[in-house]
Amino acid sequence: MTKFINPGLMQTSRRNVLRGSMLAGAAALSGAGAMAARRTPQPVKADAISRSLHKAAAEQTADSTAKPADLSGYTRVKQELVAPPFAPEHEQVATGGPKIIEITMETTEKLMVVDEDTGASVWALTFGGSVPGPLIICHEGDMVELTLRNPEDSMMEHNIDFHASTGALGGGGLTHVYPGEECVLRWKATKPGCFTYHCAPGGAMIPYHVTHGMNGAIMVLPRDGLKDADGNPLRYDSIAYIGEQDYYLPMDENGDYKTYEAAGDDYADSLEAMRTLTPTHQVFNGAVGALTGENALRAKVGETVLMVHNSCNVDSRPHLIGGHGNYVWESSFTDVPLTGMETWFVRGGSAAAAMYTFEQPGVYAYVNHNLIIGAMLGGTAHFVVEGEWDNNLMEQVVAPRPFET
């Protein structure tokens, strides 16, 4: 509801009240426009680059003189998003004409345990309540129509930048939602491949939101599906969706991880930790062990898995120990896939896909092959594969035993 609290000056809504009190209380704060007024952000002097980023990520207005989009020939379908590491129901080969894929996401702020052994936790900023945000799947030529909702009890402003889209900072300039607001953005998927999406409110709030979990991936499939270099169709039995998340968790003078009452309270401390460029954790799917033990990925011998790997902020080098990337798309699905890869590359700010058909049973470790990250910071997942062992591929000829010198 609109109220006039300052008659003669400007029309004021709850949104403007939030914006005004934020800017008044933290004019020099990098990313100040992204912190809701109910909690006072701690001032941190922004550098010139951060100020420029803030201006670049400011809200934009769509051109009112532009012609309405031509939606003739499109059919509407709702896609029910699911939590990682799973993928929503979809067609590998598109049937019929282009579609408008309707999706809804809430920007949920929640306290998450990052490492049970140390008690490290973070007020995660999420799309849909998970780190990473849910995987979205469409086909080239489809429209993605997102309803983005920021719950009333949120502490912060949020938005979304789709790397797969065209214009308005990936949609980031048109989707700034304050607590209690929603918006709807529709964009056309013109480029096939795997792409990152993330929150980008402005200034230092961009890396702050990203390193607190607010990122995910969208896969834009070719309409006729994936193919090898000769044009032969490639099919998968399942998708394993893996998001690599770097955290920079503040510690006290004793080396213990700090705890905070609410989302945003760690802002100043986090900026200091982030400036070191040294993650305290670099994990898959939000937490140490999120994809190991009882949470390990499952497959069977003979099954083909498409591994979609999102890494919004840092470079990654995925490697499947005991397996390979039979086909790897580090960039567009229109490019010829790399084949027989031992380790592949996911550029920071990107998502990539790798396909493998499991040939042996057992536990396969999927790791960042910067092994410091894989073994010490949490960048490890496990595939548990069922089936019959094939001695033609590997055989233990002699078990470990003492030997005489």
Protein backbone atom coordinates (compact mmCIF):
# COMPACT_ATOMS: atom_id res chain seq x y z
CA MET A 1 0.00 0.00 0.00
CA THR A 2 1.29 3.45 -0.91
CA LYS A 3 1.46 6.10 1.82
CA PHE A 4 2.49 9.75 1.70
CA ILE A 5 4.83 10.23 4.66
CA ASN A 6 6.65 13.16 3.08
CA PRO A 7 3.92 15.07 1.19
CA GLY A 8 5.21 17.41 -1.46
CA LEU A 9 8.52 15.54 -1.80
CA MET A 10 7.96 12.06 -3.19
CA GLN A 11 5.46 9.24 -3.25
CA THR A 12 6.66 6.75 -0.64
CA SER A 13 6.07 3.05 -0.39
CA ARG A 14 7.63 0.48 1.94
CA ARG A 15 10.21 -0.14 -0.79
CA ASN A 16 11.25 3.52 -0.83
CA VAL A 17 11.39 3.64 2.95
CA LEU A 18 13.80 0.72 2.93
CA ARG A 19 15.89 2.29 0.22
CA GLY A 20 15.97 5.72 1.87
CA SER A 21 16.93 4.52 5.32
CA MET A 22 19.62 2.25 3.87
CA LEU A 23 21.24 4.99 1.85
CA ALA A 24 20.97 7.53 4.65
CA GLY A 25 22.50 5.20 7.21
CA ALA A 26 25.28 3.80 5.05
CA ALA A 27 25.99 6.14 2.17
CA ALA A 28 29.64 5.11 2.05
CA LEU A 29 28.90 1.41 2.45
CA SER A 30 29.87 -0.74 -0.52
CA GLY A 31 26.66 -2.37 -1.73
CA ALA A 32 24.58 -0.40 0.77
CA GLY A 33 21.47 -0.65 -1.33
CA ALA A 34 21.32 -4.40 -0.80
CA MET A 35 20.98 -4.43 3.01
CA ALA A 36 17.45 -4.07 4.36
CA ALA A 37 16.86 -1.33 6.93
CA ARG A 38 15.74 -3.50 9.83
CA ARG A 39 19.38 -4.21 10.73
CA THR A 40 22.00 -1.49 10.52
CA PRO A 41 24.87 -2.50 8.21
CA GLN A 42 28.36 -1.88 9.51
CA PRO A 43 30.05 0.77 7.36
CA VAL A 44 32.97 -0.35 5.26
CA LYS A 45 34.60 2.14 2.90
CA ALA A 46 34.00 1.10 -0.70
CA ASP A 47 36.79 1.35 -3.23
CA ALA A 48 36.26 2.96 -6.61
CA ILE A 49 35.81 -0.35 -8.41
CA SER A 50 33.12 -1.44 -6.00
CA ARG A 51 31.29 1.86 -6.41
CA SER A 52 31.36 1.42 -10.17
CA LEU A 53 30.03 -2.10 -9.86
CA HIS A 54 27.24 -0.86 -7.65
CA LYS A 55 26.20 1.69 -10.25
CA ALA A 56 26.41 -0.91 -13.01
CA ALA A 57 24.15 -3.27 -11.10
CA ALA A 58 21.55 -0.62 -10.29
CA GLU A 59 17.95 -1.13 -11.21
CA GLN A 60 16.98 -0.46 -14.79
CA THR A 61 13.70 0.26 -16.51
CA ALA A 62 12.65 -1.73 -19.55
CA ASP A 63 12.17 0.45 -22.63
CA SER A 64 8.47 1.33 -22.68
CA THR A 65 8.61 2.03 -26.41
CA ALA A 66 9.74 -1.52 -27.26
CA LYS A 67 7.28 -3.76 -29.06
CA PRO A 68 5.72 -6.54 -26.97
CA ALA A 69 7.40 -9.92 -27.35
CA ASP A 70 5.88 -12.13 -30.01
CA LEU A 71 4.75 -15.20 -28.08
CA SER A 72 2.76 -16.75 -30.91
CA GLY A 73 3.56 -20.44 -31.33
CA TYR A 74 4.74 -20.86 -27.73
CA THR A 75 3.06 -23.19 -25.28
CA ARG A 76 3.31 -22.72 -21.52
CA VAL A 77 4.65 -25.44 -19.24
CA LYS A 78 5.46 -25.32 -15.54
CA GLN A 79 8.77 -26.75 -14.41
CA GLU A 80 8.84 -28.01 -10.84
CA LEU A 81 12.31 -27.27 -9.53
CA VAL A 82 13.97 -29.82 -7.25
CA ALA A 83 16.81 -29.62 -4.75
CA PRO A 84 20.37 -30.47 -5.86
CA PRO A 85 21.95 -32.84 -6.76
CA PHE A 86 18.84 -33.80 -8.69
CA ALA A 87 17.41 -32.37 -11.90
CA PRO A 88 13.83 -31.46 -12.82
CA GLU A 89 11.84 -33.62 -15.21
CA HIS A 90 12.66 -32.69 -18.78
CA GLU A 91 12.95 -33.91 -22.35
CA GLN A 92 16.43 -34.60 -23.71
CA VAL A 93 15.08 -33.98 -27.22
CA ALA A 94 12.45 -31.28 -27.50
CA THR A 95 9.04 -32.23 -28.83
CA GLY A 96 6.77 -29.69 -30.44
CA GLY A 97 7.51 -26.02 -30.78
CA PRO A 98 9.22 -23.65 -28.39
CA LYS A 99 7.86 -23.34 -24.88
CA ILE A 100 7.55 -20.77 -22.13
CA ILE A 101 9.08 -22.52 -19.12
CA GLU A 102 7.40 -21.16 -15.99
CA ILE A 103 9.43 -21.41 -12.78
CA THR A 104 9.18 -19.88 -9.32
CA MET A 105 12.02 -19.31 -6.83
CA GLU A 106 12.14 -17.77 -3.37
CA THR A 107 15.24 -16.02 -2.07
CA THR A 108 15.47 -17.86 1.25
CA GLU A 109 17.96 -16.78 3.92
CA LYS A 110 18.81 -19.64 6.29
CA LEU A 111 21.43 -20.72 8.81
CA MET A 112 23.42 -23.67 7.43
CA VAL A 113 26.11 -25.86 8.96
CA VAL A 114 29.13 -25.94 6.65
CA ASP A 115 31.27 -28.41 8.63
CA GLU A 116 29.84 -30.47 11.47
CA ASP A 117 33.33 -31.34 12.76
CA THR A 118 34.29 -27.73 13.44
CA GLY A 119 30.83 -26.23 13.90
CA ALA A 120 31.43 -23.79 11.06
CA SER A 121 28.15 -22.29 9.89
CA VAL A 122 26.94 -19.56 7.56
CA TRP A 123 23.81 -17.51 7.09
CA ALA A 124 23.32 -18.81 3.57
CA LEU A 125 21.60 -16.64 1.00
CA THR A 126 19.84 -19.02 -1.36
CA PHE A 127 17.62 -19.46 -4.35
CA GLY A 128 15.01 -21.97 -3.25
CA GLY A 129 16.65 -22.87 0.04
CA SER A 130 19.60 -24.86 -1.33
CA VAL A 131 23.27 -24.27 -2.14
CA PRO A 132 23.56 -24.27 -5.09
CA GLY A 133 20.18 -23.02 -6.28
CA PRO A 134 18.09 -25.55 -8.24
CA LEU A 135 19.06 -26.62 -11.73
CA ILE A 136 16.83 -25.17 -14.45
CA ILE A 137 16.54 -26.99 -17.79
CA CYS A 138 15.14 -25.74 -21.07
CA HIS A 139 15.88 -26.00 -24.79
CA GLU A 140 17.37 -23.50 -27.20
CA GLY A 141 14.60 -21.19 -28.39
CA ASP A 142 12.48 -21.61 -25.26
CA MET A 143 11.49 -18.71 -23.04
CA VAL A 144 12.26 -18.87 -19.32
CA GLU A 145 9.67 -17.04 -17.23
CA LEU A 146 10.79 -16.69 -13.62
CA THR A 147 8.71 -15.45 -10.72
CA LEU A 148 11.25 -14.32 -8.13
CA ARG A 149 9.94 -13.83 -4.59
CA ASN A 150 11.72 -12.29 -1.61
CA PRO A 151 9.92 -13.32 1.60
CA GLU A 152 8.68 -10.67 4.01
CA ASP A 153 11.03 -11.80 6.78
CA SER A 154 14.20 -11.51 4.65
CA MET A 155 16.94 -9.15 5.80
CA MET A 156 18.22 -8.23 2.34
CA GLU A 157 17.39 -7.17 -1.16
CA HIS A 158 18.02 -9.79 -3.87
CA ASN A 159 18.01 -10.10 -7.66
CA ILE A 160 19.17 -12.58 -10.31
CA ASP A 161 21.68 -12.45 -13.17
CA PHE A 162 21.32 -15.23 -15.75
CA HIS A 163 24.56 -15.70 -17.70
CA ALA A 164 22.52 -17.44 -20.40
CA SER A 165 20.32 -14.39 -21.08
CA THR A 166 20.74 -11.20 -23.08
CA GLY A 167 20.29 -7.66 -21.75
CA ALA A 168 19.88 -5.71 -18.48
CA LEU A 169 22.87 -7.30 -16.75
CA GLY A 170 21.48 -10.77 -17.34
CA GLY A 171 18.15 -9.64 -15.91
CA GLY A 172 19.86 -8.38 -12.76
CA GLY A 173 18.86 -4.79 -13.53
CA LEU A 174 15.16 -5.71 -13.75
CA THR A 175 14.77 -8.06 -10.80
CA HIS A 176 15.71 -6.15 -7.62
CA VAL A 177 13.20 -7.34 -5.02
CA TYR A 178 13.01 -6.09 -1.47
CA PRO A 179 11.54 -8.16 1.39
CA GLY A 180 7.89 -8.83 0.68
CA GLU A 181 8.20 -8.18 -3.07
CA GLU A 182 8.10 -10.36 -6.18
CA CYS A 183 8.85 -9.77 -9.84
CA VAL A 184 8.46 -11.70 -13.09
CA LEU A 185 11.20 -11.83 -15.72
CA ARG A 186 10.93 -13.55 -19.11
CA TRP A 187 13.92 -14.08 -21.38
CA LYS A 188 14.77 -16.17 -24.43
CA ALA A 189 17.35 -18.97 -24.29
CA THR A 190 19.31 -18.31 -27.48
CA LYS A 191 22.57 -20.10 -26.65
CA PRO A 192 22.82 -23.81 -25.80
CA GLY A 193 25.10 -24.90 -22.98
CA CYS A 194 25.37 -24.85 -19.20
CA PHE A 195 25.36 -21.43 -17.56
CA THR A 196 25.64 -19.88 -14.11
CA TYR A 197 23.03 -17.69 -12.51
CA HIS A 198 23.60 -15.67 -9.34
CA CYS A 199 22.50 -12.76 -7.19
CA ALA A 200 24.17 -9.43 -8.00
CA PRO A 201 22.69 -6.56 -5.95
CA GLY A 202 25.67 -4.26 -6.48
CA GLY A 203 29.12 -3.37 -5.14
CA ALA A 204 30.67 -5.63 -2.55
CA MET A 205 27.24 -7.19 -2.06
CA ILE A 206 27.81 -9.09 -5.31
CA PRO A 207 30.65 -11.28 -4.01
CA TYR A 208 29.06 -11.28 -0.54
CA HIS A 209 25.85 -12.86 -1.85
CA VAL A 210 27.68 -15.23 -4.19
CA THR A 211 30.06 -16.48 -1.49
CA HIS A 212 27.09 -17.00 0.82
CA GLY A 213 25.60 -19.52 -1.62
CA MET A 214 23.40 -17.45 -3.89
CA ASN A 215 24.17 -19.06 -7.23
CA GLY A 216 23.08 -21.96 -9.41
CA ALA A 217 22.98 -23.26 -12.99
CA ILE A 218 20.68 -23.49 -15.98
CA MET A 219 21.17 -26.02 -18.78
CA VAL A 220 19.99 -25.01 -22.24
CA LEU A 221 19.85 -28.16 -24.36
CA PRO A 222 19.92 -28.19 -28.16
CA ARG A 223 16.42 -28.91 -29.43
CA ASP A 224 17.62 -32.17 -30.99
CA GLY A 225 19.62 -33.17 -27.93
CA LEU A 226 23.31 -33.70 -27.25
CA LYS A 227 25.54 -35.16 -29.98
CA ASP A 228 29.09 -36.35 -30.51
CA ALA A 229 31.54 -34.98 -33.09
CA ASP A 230 29.92 -37.06 -35.86
CA GLY A 231 26.41 -35.95 -35.05
CA ASN A 232 25.39 -39.17 -33.32
CA PRO A 233 22.90 -38.70 -30.47
CA LEU A 234 24.18 -38.91 -26.89
CA ARG A 235 21.76 -39.84 -24.13
CA TYR A 236 22.11 -39.94 -20.34
CA ASP A 237 20.25 -41.94 -17.72
CA SER A 238 20.49 -39.33 -14.98
CA ILE A 239 21.99 -35.98 -14.05
CA ALA A 240 24.27 -35.29 -11.09
CA TYR A 241 24.14 -31.56 -10.39
CA ILE A 242 27.14 -30.33 -8.42
CA GLY A 243 27.72 -26.77 -7.25
CA GLU A 244 31.17 -25.76 -6.04
CA GLN A 245 30.90 -23.17 -3.28
CA ASP A 246 33.73 -21.13 -1.81
CA TYR A 247 33.10 -19.79 1.71
CA TYR A 248 35.13 -17.19 3.58
CA LEU A 249 33.96 -17.67 7.17
CA PRO A 250 35.19 -15.15 9.75
CA MET A 251 37.15 -16.43 12.75
CA ASP A 252 37.87 -14.94 16.14
CA GLU A 253 41.29 -14.37 17.75
CA ASN A 254 41.33 -18.00 18.92
CA GLY A 255 40.78 -19.39 15.45
CA ASP A 256 37.17 -20.41 16.15
CA TYR A 257 34.45 -19.69 13.62
CA LYS A 258 32.22 -16.80 14.59
CA THR A 259 28.46 -17.09 14.88
CA TYR A 260 25.89 -14.43 14.05
CA GLU A 261 22.32 -13.74 15.05
CA ALA A 262 20.87 -13.09 11.61
CA ALA A 263 21.65 -12.88 7.92
CA GLY A 264 23.78 -9.85 7.16
CA ASP A 265 25.28 -9.50 10.62
CA ASP A 266 28.57 -10.93 9.35
CA TYR A 267 28.85 -8.40 6.52
CA ALA A 268 31.87 -6.39 7.72
CA ASP A 269 33.71 -9.47 9.02
CA SER A 270 33.03 -11.35 5.80
CA LEU A 271 34.40 -8.57 3.63
CA GLU A 272 37.65 -8.69 5.56
CA ALA A 273 37.83 -12.49 5.14
CA MET A 274 36.94 -12.26 1.44
CA ARG A 275 39.75 -9.79 0.77
CA THR A 276 42.28 -12.52 1.55
CA LEU A 277 41.03 -14.45 -1.52
CA THR A 278 41.64 -17.57 0.59
CA PRO A 279 38.53 -19.69 1.18
CA THR A 280 38.10 -21.36 4.55
CA HIS A 281 35.99 -23.97 2.75
CA GLN A 282 35.47 -24.92 -0.89
CA VAL A 283 32.73 -27.53 -0.91
CA PHE A 284 30.28 -29.28 -3.16
CA ASN A 285 26.57 -28.59 -2.65
CA GLY A 286 26.87 -26.32 0.32
CA ALA A 287 28.68 -28.27 3.01
CA VAL A 288 31.52 -30.65 3.76
CA GLY A 289 30.25 -34.18 3.07
CA ALA A 290 27.06 -33.03 1.35
CA LEU A 291 27.64 -35.63 -1.40
CA THR A 292 29.47 -38.37 0.53
CA GLY A 293 28.45 -41.12 2.94
CA GLU A 294 24.66 -41.44 3.15
CA ASN A 295 24.38 -38.52 0.73
CA ALA A 296 26.61 -40.09 -1.96
CA LEU A 297 25.41 -40.10 -5.56
CA ARG A 298 24.14 -43.46 -6.81
CA ALA A 299 24.48 -45.28 -10.13
CA LYS A 300 24.82 -48.75 -11.67
CA VAL A 301 27.33 -50.27 -14.03
CA GLY A 302 26.25 -49.44 -17.56
CA GLU A 303 24.42 -46.25 -16.59
CA THR A 304 25.39 -42.96 -18.17
CA VAL A 305 25.47 -39.91 -15.91
CA LEU A 306 25.66 -36.30 -17.05
CA MET A 307 27.60 -34.36 -14.42
CA VAL A 308 26.66 -30.67 -14.46
CA HIS A 309 29.21 -28.66 -12.48
CA ASN A 310 28.59 -25.02 -11.53
CA SER A 311 31.37 -22.84 -10.12
CA CYS A 312 30.18 -19.27 -9.83
CA ASN A 313 33.21 -17.63 -8.24
CA VAL A 314 36.36 -19.76 -8.59
CA ASP A 315 38.06 -21.93 -11.20
CA SER A 316 37.66 -25.68 -10.73
CA ARG A 317 39.28 -28.82 -12.11
CA PRO A 318 36.84 -31.72 -11.74
CA HIS A 319 38.23 -35.24 -11.91
CA LEU A 320 36.38 -38.54 -11.50
CA ILE A 321 38.83 -40.87 -9.74
CA GLY A 322 38.51 -44.27 -11.39
CA GLY A 323 36.58 -42.88 -14.35
CA HIS A 324 36.77 -40.26 -17.06
CA GLY A 325 34.89 -37.60 -18.92
CA ASN A 326 33.82 -39.60 -21.96
CA TYR A 327 32.34 -36.39 -23.38
CA VAL A 328 32.96 -32.97 -21.90
CA TRP A 329 31.40 -29.63 -22.82
CA GLU A 330 33.44 -26.88 -21.18
CA SER A 331 31.60 -24.29 -23.23
CA SER A 332 28.67 -24.38 -25.65
CA PHE A 333 26.76 -27.51 -26.61
CA THR A 334 27.21 -26.36 -30.22
CA ASP A 335 30.95 -27.04 -29.86
CA VAL A 336 32.34 -30.51 -30.49
CA PRO A 337 32.69 -32.17 -27.08
CA LEU A 338 36.10 -33.02 -25.69
CA THR A 339 36.53 -36.78 -25.31
CA GLY A 340 38.36 -39.13 -22.97
CA MET A 341 39.19 -36.38 -20.49
CA GLU A 342 41.00 -37.20 -17.25
CA THR A 343 40.39 -33.75 -15.73
CA TRP A 344 38.40 -30.89 -17.20
CA PHE A 345 38.14 -27.19 -16.51
CA VAL A 346 35.25 -25.13 -15.17
CA ARG A 347 36.02 -21.45 -15.35
CA GLY A 348 34.94 -19.29 -12.43
CA GLY A 349 31.57 -17.81 -13.32
CA SER A 350 30.66 -20.79 -15.49
CA ALA A 351 28.99 -24.16 -15.57
CA ALA A 352 30.11 -27.18 -17.59
CA ALA A 353 28.90 -30.70 -18.33
CA ALA A 354 30.67 -34.06 -18.50
CA MET A 355 29.19 -37.42 -19.48
CA TYR A 356 30.45 -40.80 -18.28
CA THR A 357 29.18 -44.38 -18.50
CA PHE A 358 30.23 -46.34 -15.41
CA GLU A 359 32.06 -49.59 -16.20
CA GLN A 360 33.05 -50.91 -12.76
CA PRO A 361 31.26 -51.10 -9.41
CA GLY A 362 32.59 -49.41 -6.30
CA VAL A 363 33.11 -45.92 -4.93
CA TYR A 364 34.27 -43.20 -7.30
CA ALA A 365 35.50 -39.95 -5.83
CA TYR A 366 34.56 -36.86 -7.82
CA VAL A 367 37.01 -34.16 -6.71
CA ASN A 368 38.45 -30.80 -7.49
CA HIS A 369 41.89 -31.99 -8.57
CA ASN A 370 43.53 -29.10 -6.88
CA LEU A 371 43.90 -31.76 -4.19
CA ILE A 372 44.36 -29.22 -1.43
CA ILE A 373 40.80 -28.15 -2.15
CA GLY A 374 39.59 -31.71 -2.68
CA ALA A 375 41.14 -33.23 0.44
CA MET A 376 41.39 -30.31 2.87
CA LEU A 377 38.71 -27.73 2.02
CA GLY A 378 35.82 -30.08 1.25
CA GLY A 379 35.69 -30.28 -2.57
CA THR A 380 34.80 -33.99 -2.79
CA ALA A 381 31.74 -36.02 -3.79
CA HIS A 382 31.25 -39.78 -4.08
CA PHE A 383 29.47 -41.95 -6.61
CA VAL A 384 28.51 -45.38 -5.25
CA VAL A 385 28.12 -47.70 -8.24
CA GLU A 386 26.49 -51.14 -8.10
CA GLY A 387 27.23 -54.01 -10.49
CA GLU A 388 29.57 -56.86 -11.40
CA TRP A 389 33.34 -56.41 -11.39
CA ASP A 390 35.13 -56.82 -14.74
CA ASN A 391 38.64 -58.28 -14.40
CA ASN A 392 39.29 -57.45 -18.04
CA LEU A 393 39.39 -53.80 -17.04
CA MET A 394 41.22 -54.22 -13.73
CA GLU A 395 42.34 -57.17 -11.65
CA GLN A 396 44.16 -57.43 -8.35
CA VAL A 397 46.76 -60.03 -9.26
CA VAL A 398 48.41 -60.15 -5.83
CA ALA A 399 46.92 -58.64 -2.70
CA PRO A 400 49.25 -56.55 -0.49
CA ARG A 401 51.69 -58.90 1.35
CA PRO A 402 55.12 -58.74 2.98
CA PHE A 403 58.08 -59.39 0.76
CA GLU A 404 61.56 -60.63 1.46
CA THR A 405 64.65 -58.58 0.71
